[in-house]
């Protein structure tokens, strides 16, 4: 049995700019109803990745951490929305249910920081990204797709970054 499932995608970032660029590529793949779940300790690059996702998705809004407001909403010129959730201050998945993910998903994609805190409230199909601090500016990211939509997204991202192999 392989250590890493071939549907997964492991990426090593050597700088915040490189993390942001991965986010830009990922943001370009997002569409209505997508959900991206981020897991990682403080300083692992979650917000930096989301800044890139927002840019690649097409928002002109400044992407900032929604730590105290729980949900930030970003717009793009076509009036679509991107929801950025920070679950750090949520006590459990029951509190997350009050955020009404179903309503958000019909209005745009959702990116959730600290998603592991509310895992049982999340749809079964999503893209899970584990970010980890290595040293200095180096980070590792493991993208784990759950469902065929997200497997295709990860494959498209892999081809965009590395080409066909």
N, C-alpha and C. Protein backbone atom coordinates (compact mmCIF):
# COMPACT_ATOMS: atom_id res chain seq x y z
N UNK A 1 0.84 -1.18 0.00
CA UNK A 1 0.00 0.00 0.00
C UNK A 1 0.89 1.25 0.00
N UNK A 2 0.66 2.19 -0.94
CA UNK A 2 1.51 3.38 -1.00
C UNK A 2 1.28 4.29 0.21
N UNK A 3 2.33 4.98 0.59
CA UNK A 3 2.24 5.91 1.72
C UNK A 3 1.33 7.08 1.36
N UNK A 4 1.44 7.56 0.13
CA UNK A 4 0.66 8.70 -0.31
C UNK A 4 -0.27 8.26 -1.43
N UNK A 5 -1.56 8.45 -1.26
CA UNK A 5 -2.56 8.11 -2.27
C UNK A 5 -2.26 8.92 -3.52
N UNK A 6 -2.31 8.31 -4.71
CA UNK A 6 -1.96 9.03 -5.94
C UNK A 6 -2.98 10.10 -6.32
N UNK A 7 -4.12 10.14 -5.66
CA UNK A 7 -5.08 11.23 -5.89
C UNK A 7 -4.67 12.49 -5.12
N UNK A 8 -3.88 12.31 -4.07
CA UNK A 8 -3.43 13.44 -3.27
C UNK A 8 -2.32 14.20 -4.01
N UNK A 9 -2.05 15.39 -3.54
CA UNK A 9 -1.03 16.23 -4.14
C UNK A 9 -0.24 16.90 -3.03
N UNK A 10 1.06 16.63 -2.97
CA UNK A 10 1.91 17.23 -1.96
C UNK A 10 2.73 18.34 -2.62
N UNK A 11 2.73 19.50 -1.97
CA UNK A 11 3.41 20.67 -2.52
C UNK A 11 4.30 21.27 -1.44
N UNK A 12 5.54 21.59 -1.81
CA UNK A 12 6.47 22.24 -0.90
C UNK A 12 6.65 23.69 -1.33
N UNK A 13 6.36 24.60 -0.41
CA UNK A 13 6.49 26.03 -0.70
C UNK A 13 7.76 26.55 -0.02
N UNK A 14 8.49 27.38 -0.75
CA UNK A 14 9.73 27.94 -0.22
C UNK A 14 9.59 29.40 0.19
N UNK A 15 8.37 29.96 0.03
CA UNK A 15 8.16 31.36 0.39
C UNK A 15 6.67 31.67 0.46
N UNK A 16 6.30 32.75 1.15
CA UNK A 16 4.89 33.17 1.13
C UNK A 16 4.39 33.44 -0.29
N UNK A 17 5.25 34.01 -1.14
CA UNK A 17 4.83 34.27 -2.53
C UNK A 17 4.50 32.97 -3.25
N UNK A 18 5.27 31.93 -3.01
CA UNK A 18 5.00 30.65 -3.66
C UNK A 18 3.70 30.03 -3.12
N UNK A 19 3.45 30.18 -1.83
CA UNK A 19 2.19 29.71 -1.24
C UNK A 19 1.02 30.46 -1.86
N UNK A 20 1.18 31.77 -2.00
CA UNK A 20 0.14 32.61 -2.61
C UNK A 20 -0.10 32.19 -4.06
N UNK A 21 0.97 31.89 -4.81
CA UNK A 21 0.81 31.47 -6.21
C UNK A 21 0.06 30.15 -6.32
N UNK A 22 0.32 29.21 -5.41
CA UNK A 22 -0.44 27.96 -5.40
C UNK A 22 -1.92 28.29 -5.19
N UNK A 23 -2.19 29.22 -4.26
CA UNK A 23 -3.57 29.65 -4.02
C UNK A 23 -4.20 30.27 -5.25
N UNK A 24 -3.43 31.07 -5.99
CA UNK A 24 -3.94 31.69 -7.22
C UNK A 24 -4.38 30.60 -8.20
N UNK A 25 -3.54 29.58 -8.38
CA UNK A 25 -3.90 28.48 -9.29
C UNK A 25 -5.15 27.75 -8.79
N UNK A 26 -5.21 27.50 -7.48
CA UNK A 26 -6.37 26.82 -6.91
C UNK A 26 -7.63 27.68 -7.06
N UNK A 27 -7.53 28.97 -6.79
CA UNK A 27 -8.67 29.87 -6.92
C UNK A 27 -9.24 29.91 -8.32
N UNK A 28 -8.38 29.72 -9.32
CA UNK A 28 -8.84 29.69 -10.70
C UNK A 28 -9.70 28.49 -11.02
N UNK A 29 -9.64 27.44 -10.19
CA UNK A 29 -10.44 26.23 -10.40
C UNK A 29 -11.77 26.27 -9.64
N UNK A 30 -11.94 27.22 -8.72
CA UNK A 30 -13.14 27.23 -7.89
C UNK A 30 -14.39 27.62 -8.66
N UNK A 31 -15.49 26.99 -8.26
CA UNK A 31 -16.79 27.35 -8.82
C UNK A 31 -17.84 27.26 -7.72
N UNK A 32 -18.99 27.72 -8.04
CA UNK A 32 -20.12 27.75 -7.11
C UNK A 32 -20.27 26.41 -6.39
N UNK A 33 -20.37 26.45 -5.06
CA UNK A 33 -20.61 25.24 -4.29
C UNK A 33 -19.38 24.48 -3.85
N UNK A 34 -18.19 24.92 -4.24
CA UNK A 34 -16.97 24.23 -3.82
C UNK A 34 -16.66 24.57 -2.36
N UNK A 35 -16.04 23.62 -1.69
CA UNK A 35 -15.63 23.86 -0.31
C UNK A 35 -14.19 23.39 -0.11
N UNK A 36 -13.36 24.30 0.38
CA UNK A 36 -11.94 24.05 0.62
C UNK A 36 -11.72 24.13 2.12
N UNK A 37 -11.17 23.07 2.70
CA UNK A 37 -10.95 22.98 4.14
C UNK A 37 -9.45 23.05 4.43
N UNK A 38 -9.06 23.99 5.28
CA UNK A 38 -7.65 24.17 5.62
C UNK A 38 -7.39 23.76 7.05
N UNK A 39 -6.34 22.98 7.23
CA UNK A 39 -5.92 22.53 8.55
C UNK A 39 -4.44 22.86 8.71
N UNK A 40 -4.09 23.45 9.84
CA UNK A 40 -2.69 23.76 10.10
C UNK A 40 -2.55 24.67 11.30
N UNK A 41 -1.42 24.57 11.95
CA UNK A 41 -1.15 25.39 13.13
C UNK A 41 -0.99 26.86 12.77
N UNK A 42 -0.96 27.71 13.78
CA UNK A 42 -0.66 29.13 13.56
C UNK A 42 0.65 29.25 12.81
N UNK A 43 0.67 30.12 11.81
CA UNK A 43 1.89 30.34 11.05
C UNK A 43 2.17 29.33 9.96
N UNK A 44 1.21 28.44 9.69
CA UNK A 44 1.44 27.41 8.66
C UNK A 44 1.15 27.91 7.26
N UNK A 45 0.56 29.11 7.12
CA UNK A 45 0.34 29.68 5.79
C UNK A 45 -1.10 29.66 5.32
N UNK A 46 -2.05 29.37 6.20
CA UNK A 46 -3.45 29.28 5.79
C UNK A 46 -3.97 30.59 5.18
N UNK A 47 -3.79 31.70 5.89
CA UNK A 47 -4.31 32.97 5.38
C UNK A 47 -3.58 33.39 4.11
N UNK A 48 -2.28 33.14 4.04
CA UNK A 48 -1.51 33.46 2.83
C UNK A 48 -2.07 32.67 1.64
N UNK A 49 -2.37 31.40 1.86
CA UNK A 49 -2.95 30.58 0.79
C UNK A 49 -4.31 31.15 0.37
N UNK A 50 -5.13 31.55 1.35
CA UNK A 50 -6.45 32.10 1.04
C UNK A 50 -6.34 33.42 0.28
N UNK A 51 -5.32 34.21 0.58
CA UNK A 51 -5.11 35.45 -0.18
C UNK A 51 -4.90 35.12 -1.66
N UNK A 52 -4.12 34.11 -1.94
CA UNK A 52 -3.92 33.67 -3.32
C UNK A 52 -5.19 33.11 -3.93
N UNK A 53 -5.93 32.31 -3.16
CA UNK A 53 -7.20 31.75 -3.65
C UNK A 53 -8.13 32.88 -4.06
N UNK A 54 -8.25 33.90 -3.22
CA UNK A 54 -9.12 35.03 -3.54
C UNK A 54 -8.68 35.72 -4.82
N UNK A 55 -7.39 35.93 -4.96
CA UNK A 55 -6.87 36.59 -6.16
C UNK A 55 -7.15 35.75 -7.40
N UNK A 56 -6.88 34.45 -7.33
CA UNK A 56 -7.12 33.56 -8.47
C UNK A 56 -8.59 33.42 -8.79
N UNK A 57 -9.45 33.50 -7.78
CA UNK A 57 -10.90 33.41 -7.98
C UNK A 57 -11.43 34.67 -8.64
N UNK A 58 -10.76 35.80 -8.38
CA UNK A 58 -11.13 37.03 -9.08
C UNK A 58 -11.64 38.16 -8.22
N UNK A 59 -11.47 38.07 -6.90
CA UNK A 59 -11.91 39.19 -6.08
C UNK A 59 -10.88 40.32 -6.13
N UNK A 60 -11.39 41.53 -6.06
CA UNK A 60 -10.52 42.70 -5.96
C UNK A 60 -10.44 43.15 -4.50
N UNK A 61 -11.22 42.50 -3.62
CA UNK A 61 -11.22 42.83 -2.20
C UNK A 61 -9.92 42.35 -1.55
N UNK A 62 -9.51 43.05 -0.50
CA UNK A 62 -8.35 42.61 0.27
C UNK A 62 -8.78 41.43 1.14
N UNK A 63 -8.05 40.32 1.04
CA UNK A 63 -8.37 39.13 1.81
C UNK A 63 -7.62 39.19 3.14
N UNK A 64 -8.39 39.14 4.23
CA UNK A 64 -7.81 39.18 5.57
C UNK A 64 -8.42 38.06 6.40
N UNK A 65 -7.77 37.73 7.49
CA UNK A 65 -8.26 36.66 8.35
C UNK A 65 -9.55 37.09 9.05
N UNK A 66 -10.58 36.24 9.01
CA UNK A 66 -11.84 36.56 9.69
C UNK A 66 -11.89 36.04 11.12
N UNK A 67 -10.76 36.02 11.81
CA UNK A 67 -10.68 35.43 13.15
C UNK A 67 -11.75 35.95 14.09
N UNK A 68 -11.98 37.24 14.11
CA UNK A 68 -12.93 37.81 15.08
C UNK A 68 -14.36 37.91 14.56
N UNK A 69 -14.53 37.95 13.24
CA UNK A 69 -15.88 38.06 12.68
C UNK A 69 -16.39 36.71 12.18
N UNK A 70 -15.58 35.70 12.20
CA UNK A 70 -15.86 34.32 11.80
C UNK A 70 -15.98 34.14 10.28
N UNK A 71 -16.73 35.02 9.58
CA UNK A 71 -16.91 34.87 8.13
C UNK A 71 -16.64 36.20 7.43
N UNK A 72 -15.73 36.18 6.46
CA UNK A 72 -15.55 37.31 5.55
C UNK A 72 -16.16 36.91 4.22
N UNK A 73 -16.71 37.87 3.54
CA UNK A 73 -17.34 37.65 2.24
C UNK A 73 -16.62 38.54 1.24
N UNK A 74 -16.15 37.93 0.16
CA UNK A 74 -15.46 38.68 -0.89
C UNK A 74 -16.31 38.62 -2.17
N UNK A 75 -16.22 39.65 -2.97
CA UNK A 75 -17.02 39.74 -4.19
C UNK A 75 -16.10 39.89 -5.39
N UNK A 76 -16.64 39.60 -6.53
CA UNK A 76 -15.94 39.91 -7.78
C UNK A 76 -16.93 40.65 -8.67
N UNK A 77 -16.45 41.23 -9.77
CA UNK A 77 -17.32 42.07 -10.59
C UNK A 77 -18.62 41.43 -11.07
N UNK A 78 -18.66 40.10 -11.25
CA UNK A 78 -19.89 39.45 -11.70
C UNK A 78 -20.88 39.18 -10.56
N UNK A 79 -20.59 39.74 -9.38
CA UNK A 79 -21.44 39.64 -8.19
C UNK A 79 -21.41 38.29 -7.49
N UNK A 80 -20.58 37.36 -7.94
CA UNK A 80 -20.44 36.11 -7.22
C UNK A 80 -19.69 36.38 -5.92
N UNK A 81 -19.82 35.46 -4.97
CA UNK A 81 -19.23 35.62 -3.65
C UNK A 81 -18.29 34.48 -3.33
N UNK A 82 -17.29 34.79 -2.54
CA UNK A 82 -16.38 33.80 -1.97
C UNK A 82 -16.47 33.99 -0.45
N UNK A 83 -16.76 32.91 0.27
CA UNK A 83 -16.87 32.97 1.72
C UNK A 83 -15.59 32.43 2.35
N UNK A 84 -15.06 33.16 3.31
CA UNK A 84 -13.84 32.80 4.01
C UNK A 84 -14.19 32.67 5.49
N UNK A 85 -14.19 31.45 5.98
CA UNK A 85 -14.61 31.15 7.35
C UNK A 85 -13.38 30.82 8.20
N UNK A 86 -13.35 31.33 9.42
CA UNK A 86 -12.31 30.98 10.38
C UNK A 86 -13.01 30.29 11.55
N UNK A 87 -12.81 28.99 11.69
CA UNK A 87 -13.50 28.20 12.71
C UNK A 87 -12.73 28.15 14.03
N UNK A 88 -11.66 28.89 14.15
CA UNK A 88 -10.82 28.82 15.35
C UNK A 88 -11.61 29.13 16.62
N UNK A 89 -12.50 30.09 16.58
CA UNK A 89 -13.25 30.51 17.77
C UNK A 89 -14.55 29.73 17.98
N UNK A 90 -14.85 28.83 17.07
CA UNK A 90 -16.04 28.00 17.24
C UNK A 90 -15.73 26.87 18.21
N UNK A 91 -16.64 26.60 19.10
CA UNK A 91 -16.44 25.57 20.12
C UNK A 91 -16.60 24.16 19.56
N UNK A 92 -17.52 24.02 18.58
CA UNK A 92 -17.80 22.68 18.06
C UNK A 92 -18.56 22.79 16.74
N UNK A 93 -18.84 21.63 16.16
CA UNK A 93 -19.54 21.58 14.88
C UNK A 93 -20.96 22.12 14.98
N UNK A 94 -21.58 21.99 16.14
CA UNK A 94 -22.94 22.51 16.33
C UNK A 94 -22.97 24.02 16.12
N UNK A 95 -21.97 24.73 16.63
CA UNK A 95 -21.90 26.18 16.40
C UNK A 95 -21.74 26.49 14.91
N UNK A 96 -21.02 25.64 14.20
CA UNK A 96 -20.80 25.85 12.77
C UNK A 96 -22.11 25.74 11.99
N UNK A 97 -23.02 24.91 12.46
CA UNK A 97 -24.30 24.75 11.76
C UNK A 97 -25.09 26.06 11.74
N UNK A 98 -24.86 26.92 12.70
CA UNK A 98 -25.54 28.23 12.72
C UNK A 98 -25.01 29.18 11.64
N UNK A 99 -23.87 28.84 11.05
CA UNK A 99 -23.33 29.68 9.97
C UNK A 99 -24.07 29.48 8.66
N UNK A 100 -24.83 28.40 8.55
CA UNK A 100 -25.66 28.11 7.38
C UNK A 100 -24.82 27.92 6.11
N UNK A 101 -23.98 26.89 6.13
CA UNK A 101 -23.15 26.56 4.97
C UNK A 101 -23.99 26.30 3.72
N UNK A 102 -25.16 25.72 3.90
CA UNK A 102 -26.01 25.44 2.73
C UNK A 102 -26.35 26.72 1.98
N UNK A 103 -26.67 27.78 2.71
CA UNK A 103 -26.97 29.07 2.08
C UNK A 103 -25.73 29.60 1.36
N UNK A 104 -24.58 29.49 2.01
CA UNK A 104 -23.34 29.99 1.41
C UNK A 104 -23.01 29.23 0.12
N UNK A 105 -23.16 27.91 0.16
CA UNK A 105 -22.77 27.08 -0.99
C UNK A 105 -23.57 27.36 -2.25
N UNK A 106 -24.79 27.88 -2.12
CA UNK A 106 -25.56 28.23 -3.32
C UNK A 106 -25.20 29.63 -3.81
N UNK A 107 -24.38 30.35 -3.06
CA UNK A 107 -23.97 31.69 -3.46
C UNK A 107 -22.51 31.77 -3.90
N UNK A 108 -21.73 30.74 -3.57
CA UNK A 108 -20.32 30.77 -3.96
C UNK A 108 -19.52 29.70 -3.26
N UNK A 109 -18.23 29.63 -3.56
CA UNK A 109 -17.37 28.68 -2.87
C UNK A 109 -17.06 29.14 -1.44
N UNK A 110 -16.65 28.19 -0.60
CA UNK A 110 -16.29 28.47 0.79
C UNK A 110 -14.88 27.95 1.04
N UNK A 111 -14.07 28.76 1.73
CA UNK A 111 -12.75 28.33 2.21
C UNK A 111 -12.80 28.44 3.73
N UNK A 112 -12.44 27.34 4.42
CA UNK A 112 -12.54 27.31 5.88
C UNK A 112 -11.17 27.07 6.51
N UNK A 113 -10.71 28.03 7.31
CA UNK A 113 -9.51 27.84 8.10
C UNK A 113 -9.90 27.14 9.40
N UNK A 114 -9.02 26.31 9.93
CA UNK A 114 -9.25 25.54 11.16
C UNK A 114 -10.44 24.59 10.97
N UNK A 115 -10.57 24.04 9.78
CA UNK A 115 -11.70 23.18 9.45
C UNK A 115 -11.78 21.92 10.32
N UNK A 116 -10.66 21.48 10.85
CA UNK A 116 -10.67 20.27 11.68
C UNK A 116 -11.54 20.46 12.94
N UNK A 117 -11.76 21.68 13.37
CA UNK A 117 -12.57 21.96 14.56
C UNK A 117 -14.06 21.71 14.32
N UNK A 118 -14.48 21.69 13.04
CA UNK A 118 -15.91 21.55 12.72
C UNK A 118 -16.14 20.44 11.68
N UNK A 119 -15.23 19.50 11.63
CA UNK A 119 -15.25 18.48 10.58
C UNK A 119 -16.60 17.78 10.42
N UNK A 120 -17.26 17.46 11.52
CA UNK A 120 -18.52 16.71 11.41
C UNK A 120 -19.65 17.55 10.82
N UNK A 121 -19.49 18.86 10.74
CA UNK A 121 -20.52 19.74 10.16
C UNK A 121 -20.31 19.97 8.66
N UNK A 122 -19.23 19.43 8.12
CA UNK A 122 -18.87 19.70 6.73
C UNK A 122 -19.45 18.66 5.77
N UNK A 123 -19.72 19.06 4.53
CA UNK A 123 -20.16 18.09 3.52
C UNK A 123 -19.09 17.01 3.32
N UNK A 124 -19.51 15.83 2.94
CA UNK A 124 -18.56 14.72 2.74
C UNK A 124 -17.59 15.00 1.61
N UNK A 125 -18.05 15.72 0.59
CA UNK A 125 -17.18 16.01 -0.55
C UNK A 125 -16.60 17.41 -0.38
N UNK A 126 -15.27 17.48 -0.44
CA UNK A 126 -14.55 18.74 -0.25
C UNK A 126 -13.08 18.52 -0.60
N UNK A 127 -12.33 19.58 -0.59
CA UNK A 127 -10.88 19.47 -0.73
C UNK A 127 -10.27 19.83 0.61
N UNK A 128 -9.53 18.90 1.19
CA UNK A 128 -8.88 19.11 2.48
C UNK A 128 -7.41 19.42 2.22
N UNK A 129 -6.91 20.49 2.82
CA UNK A 129 -5.50 20.87 2.65
C UNK A 129 -4.86 20.97 4.02
N UNK A 130 -3.84 20.14 4.26
CA UNK A 130 -3.07 20.18 5.51
C UNK A 130 -1.80 20.98 5.26
N UNK A 131 -1.66 22.08 5.98
CA UNK A 131 -0.48 22.93 5.87
C UNK A 131 0.39 22.73 7.10
N UNK A 132 1.70 22.72 6.91
CA UNK A 132 2.61 22.55 8.04
C UNK A 132 3.84 23.43 7.86
N UNK A 133 4.23 24.03 8.95
CA UNK A 133 5.46 24.83 9.03
C UNK A 133 6.63 23.86 9.01
N UNK A 134 7.62 24.13 8.15
CA UNK A 134 8.83 23.30 8.13
C UNK A 134 9.96 24.05 8.84
N UNK A 135 10.36 25.18 8.28
CA UNK A 135 11.33 26.06 8.90
C UNK A 135 11.36 27.36 8.11
N UNK A 136 11.76 28.45 8.76
CA UNK A 136 11.83 29.74 8.08
C UNK A 136 10.56 30.02 7.29
N UNK A 137 10.71 30.14 5.98
CA UNK A 137 9.57 30.42 5.11
C UNK A 137 9.05 29.16 4.40
N UNK A 138 9.60 28.01 4.73
CA UNK A 138 9.21 26.76 4.07
C UNK A 138 7.97 26.15 4.71
N UNK A 139 7.05 25.74 3.83
CA UNK A 139 5.80 25.10 4.25
C UNK A 139 5.56 23.88 3.37
N UNK A 140 4.85 22.92 3.91
CA UNK A 140 4.42 21.80 3.11
C UNK A 140 2.89 21.78 3.12
N UNK A 141 2.30 21.41 2.00
CA UNK A 141 0.86 21.34 1.87
C UNK A 141 0.48 20.01 1.25
N UNK A 142 -0.46 19.33 1.86
CA UNK A 142 -0.97 18.08 1.32
C UNK A 142 -2.43 18.30 0.97
N UNK A 143 -2.76 18.19 -0.30
CA UNK A 143 -4.12 18.37 -0.79
C UNK A 143 -4.76 16.99 -0.92
N UNK A 144 -5.85 16.78 -0.20
CA UNK A 144 -6.54 15.50 -0.16
C UNK A 144 -7.97 15.68 -0.67
N UNK A 145 -8.24 15.28 -1.90
CA UNK A 145 -9.59 15.45 -2.45
C UNK A 145 -10.55 14.39 -1.93
N UNK A 146 -11.76 14.82 -1.61
CA UNK A 146 -12.83 13.91 -1.19
C UNK A 146 -13.97 14.06 -2.19
N UNK A 147 -14.01 13.20 -3.20
CA UNK A 147 -15.04 13.25 -4.23
C UNK A 147 -14.44 13.54 -5.59
N UNK A 148 -15.15 13.12 -6.64
CA UNK A 148 -14.61 13.22 -7.99
C UNK A 148 -14.40 14.67 -8.44
N UNK A 149 -15.27 15.58 -8.02
CA UNK A 149 -15.08 17.00 -8.38
C UNK A 149 -13.72 17.49 -7.88
N UNK A 150 -13.37 17.12 -6.67
CA UNK A 150 -12.13 17.59 -6.06
C UNK A 150 -10.92 16.81 -6.57
N UNK A 151 -11.12 15.55 -6.95
CA UNK A 151 -10.04 14.79 -7.59
C UNK A 151 -9.67 15.47 -8.90
N UNK A 152 -10.68 15.88 -9.68
CA UNK A 152 -10.43 16.57 -10.95
C UNK A 152 -9.75 17.93 -10.69
N UNK A 153 -10.16 18.62 -9.64
CA UNK A 153 -9.56 19.90 -9.30
C UNK A 153 -8.07 19.74 -8.99
N UNK A 154 -7.75 18.73 -8.18
CA UNK A 154 -6.35 18.49 -7.81
C UNK A 154 -5.54 18.07 -9.03
N UNK A 155 -6.12 17.25 -9.88
CA UNK A 155 -5.41 16.84 -11.10
C UNK A 155 -5.17 18.05 -12.00
N UNK A 156 -6.15 18.92 -12.15
CA UNK A 156 -5.97 20.15 -12.93
C UNK A 156 -4.90 21.04 -12.35
N UNK A 157 -4.86 21.14 -11.04
CA UNK A 157 -3.85 21.94 -10.35
C UNK A 157 -2.46 21.34 -10.56
N UNK A 158 -2.36 20.03 -10.44
CA UNK A 158 -1.08 19.33 -10.65
C UNK A 158 -0.57 19.57 -12.07
N UNK A 159 -1.45 19.47 -13.05
CA UNK A 159 -1.05 19.70 -14.46
C UNK A 159 -0.66 21.15 -14.69
N UNK A 160 -1.37 22.08 -14.07
CA UNK A 160 -1.07 23.49 -14.22
C UNK A 160 0.33 23.82 -13.69
N UNK A 161 0.68 23.20 -12.58
CA UNK A 161 1.97 23.48 -11.94
C UNK A 161 3.11 22.70 -12.58
N UNK A 162 2.90 21.40 -12.82
CA UNK A 162 3.99 20.55 -13.28
C UNK A 162 3.88 20.10 -14.73
N UNK A 163 2.74 20.35 -15.37
CA UNK A 163 2.54 19.89 -16.74
C UNK A 163 2.20 18.41 -16.75
N UNK A 164 2.11 17.82 -17.94
CA UNK A 164 1.81 16.40 -18.07
C UNK A 164 3.07 15.60 -17.77
N UNK A 165 2.91 14.52 -17.07
CA UNK A 165 4.05 13.64 -16.78
C UNK A 165 3.64 12.21 -16.85
